[in-house]
Protein backbone atom coordinates (compact mmCIF):
# COMPACT_ATOMS: atom_id res chain seq x y z
CA MET A 1 122.68 182.24 217.80
CA ASP A 2 124.56 186.12 217.86
CA TYR A 3 126.89 185.96 220.74
CA LYS A 4 126.20 189.84 222.12
CA GLU A 5 129.00 191.55 223.83
CA LYS A 6 129.13 194.25 226.33
CA LYS A 7 130.90 197.23 226.08
CA ILE A 8 133.23 197.94 228.67
CA GLY A 9 135.53 201.23 228.43
CA GLY A 10 134.45 201.70 225.17
CA HIS A 11 136.15 197.89 224.41
CA MET A 12 133.97 195.16 223.14
CA SER A 13 135.25 192.74 225.57
CA GLU A 14 132.57 190.36 227.52
CA ILE A 15 130.58 187.88 226.02
CA ASP A 16 127.27 187.39 227.75
CA VAL A 17 127.91 183.37 228.17
CA GLN A 18 125.46 182.95 231.02
CA GLY A 19 122.30 184.16 229.06
CA ASP A 20 123.49 182.37 225.89
CA LEU A 21 123.77 179.62 227.79
CA THR A 22 120.21 179.77 229.43
CA LEU A 23 118.82 180.14 225.79
CA LEU A 24 120.47 177.59 224.50
CA GLU A 25 119.18 175.30 227.20
CA ALA A 26 115.48 176.57 227.22
CA GLU A 27 115.75 175.37 223.36
CA LEU A 28 117.08 171.85 224.17
CA LYS A 29 114.42 171.22 226.59
CA THR A 30 111.94 172.27 224.41
CA LEU A 31 113.19 170.24 221.59
CA THR A 32 113.41 167.37 223.73
CA GLU A 33 109.57 167.81 224.50
CA GLN A 34 108.72 168.05 221.48
CA LEU A 35 111.15 165.12 220.44
CA GLN A 36 109.43 162.92 223.38
CA LYS A 37 105.36 164.29 221.86
CA LEU A 38 106.90 162.78 218.37
CA GLU A 39 108.07 159.66 219.89
CA GLU A 40 104.86 158.49 221.39
CA GLN A 41 102.94 159.89 218.49
CA ARG A 42 104.90 157.14 216.14
CA VAL A 43 104.57 154.72 219.22
CA GLN A 44 100.84 154.86 218.79
CA LEU A 45 100.65 155.09 215.13
CA ILE A 46 103.00 151.72 214.80
CA THR A 47 100.32 150.29 217.18
CA LYS A 48 97.25 151.62 215.26
CA LEU A 49 98.66 150.18 212.47
CA GLN A 50 99.33 146.54 213.48
CA GLN A 51 95.96 146.36 214.76
CA LEU A 52 94.52 148.10 211.31
CA GLN A 53 96.98 145.06 209.79
CA GLY A 54 95.59 142.56 211.88
CA ALA A 55 92.03 143.35 211.87
CA ALA A 56 92.60 143.01 207.52
CA ALA A 57 94.40 139.49 207.83
CA TYR A 58 91.69 138.18 209.72
CA LEU A 59 88.63 139.43 207.31
CA ARG A 60 90.74 138.20 204.53
CA GLY A 61 90.46 134.52 206.23
CA LYS A 62 86.93 135.22 206.48
CA GLN A 63 86.05 136.03 202.92
CA GLU A 64 84.97 133.52 200.11
CA PRO A 65 87.22 133.13 197.53
CA THR A 66 86.64 134.97 194.07
CA PRO A 67 86.42 131.93 191.32
CA ASP A 68 90.40 133.28 190.37
CA GLN A 69 91.15 132.63 193.49
CA THR A 70 89.56 128.94 193.46
CA VAL A 71 90.84 128.22 190.09
CA ALA A 72 94.48 129.12 191.11
CA GLU A 73 94.40 127.02 194.07
CA ALA A 74 92.93 124.18 192.34
CA LEU A 75 95.72 124.60 189.90
CA GLU A 76 98.72 124.92 192.64
CA GLU A 77 96.93 121.56 194.22
CA LYS A 78 96.98 119.83 190.82
CA LYS A 79 101.01 120.81 190.70
CA GLU A 80 101.63 119.80 194.05
CA GLU A 81 99.39 116.06 193.40
CA GLU A 82 101.49 115.73 189.98
CA SER A 83 105.30 116.37 191.80
CA THR A 84 104.26 114.01 194.50
CA ASP A 85 103.44 111.27 192.03
CA ASN A 86 106.89 111.55 190.16
CA GLU A 87 108.74 111.45 193.24
């Protein structure tokens, strides 16, 4: 930010502290408000994401297994039975 100095008696001596402070405080307020809005949007997005993930997981659970999944599950069960028999 540029500091504007006032000419007093031909000399550059006084900085407009109050004016600069007012500008800085206004900018701080604006940035704080923007950050709060972004935080609210972030929370809303996280909530929506969690809801969609839950709905997708529910639907995956309702889905009929594909032939590949059925074969893979059968092989896994067979391995578990063999390992239990060997103990």
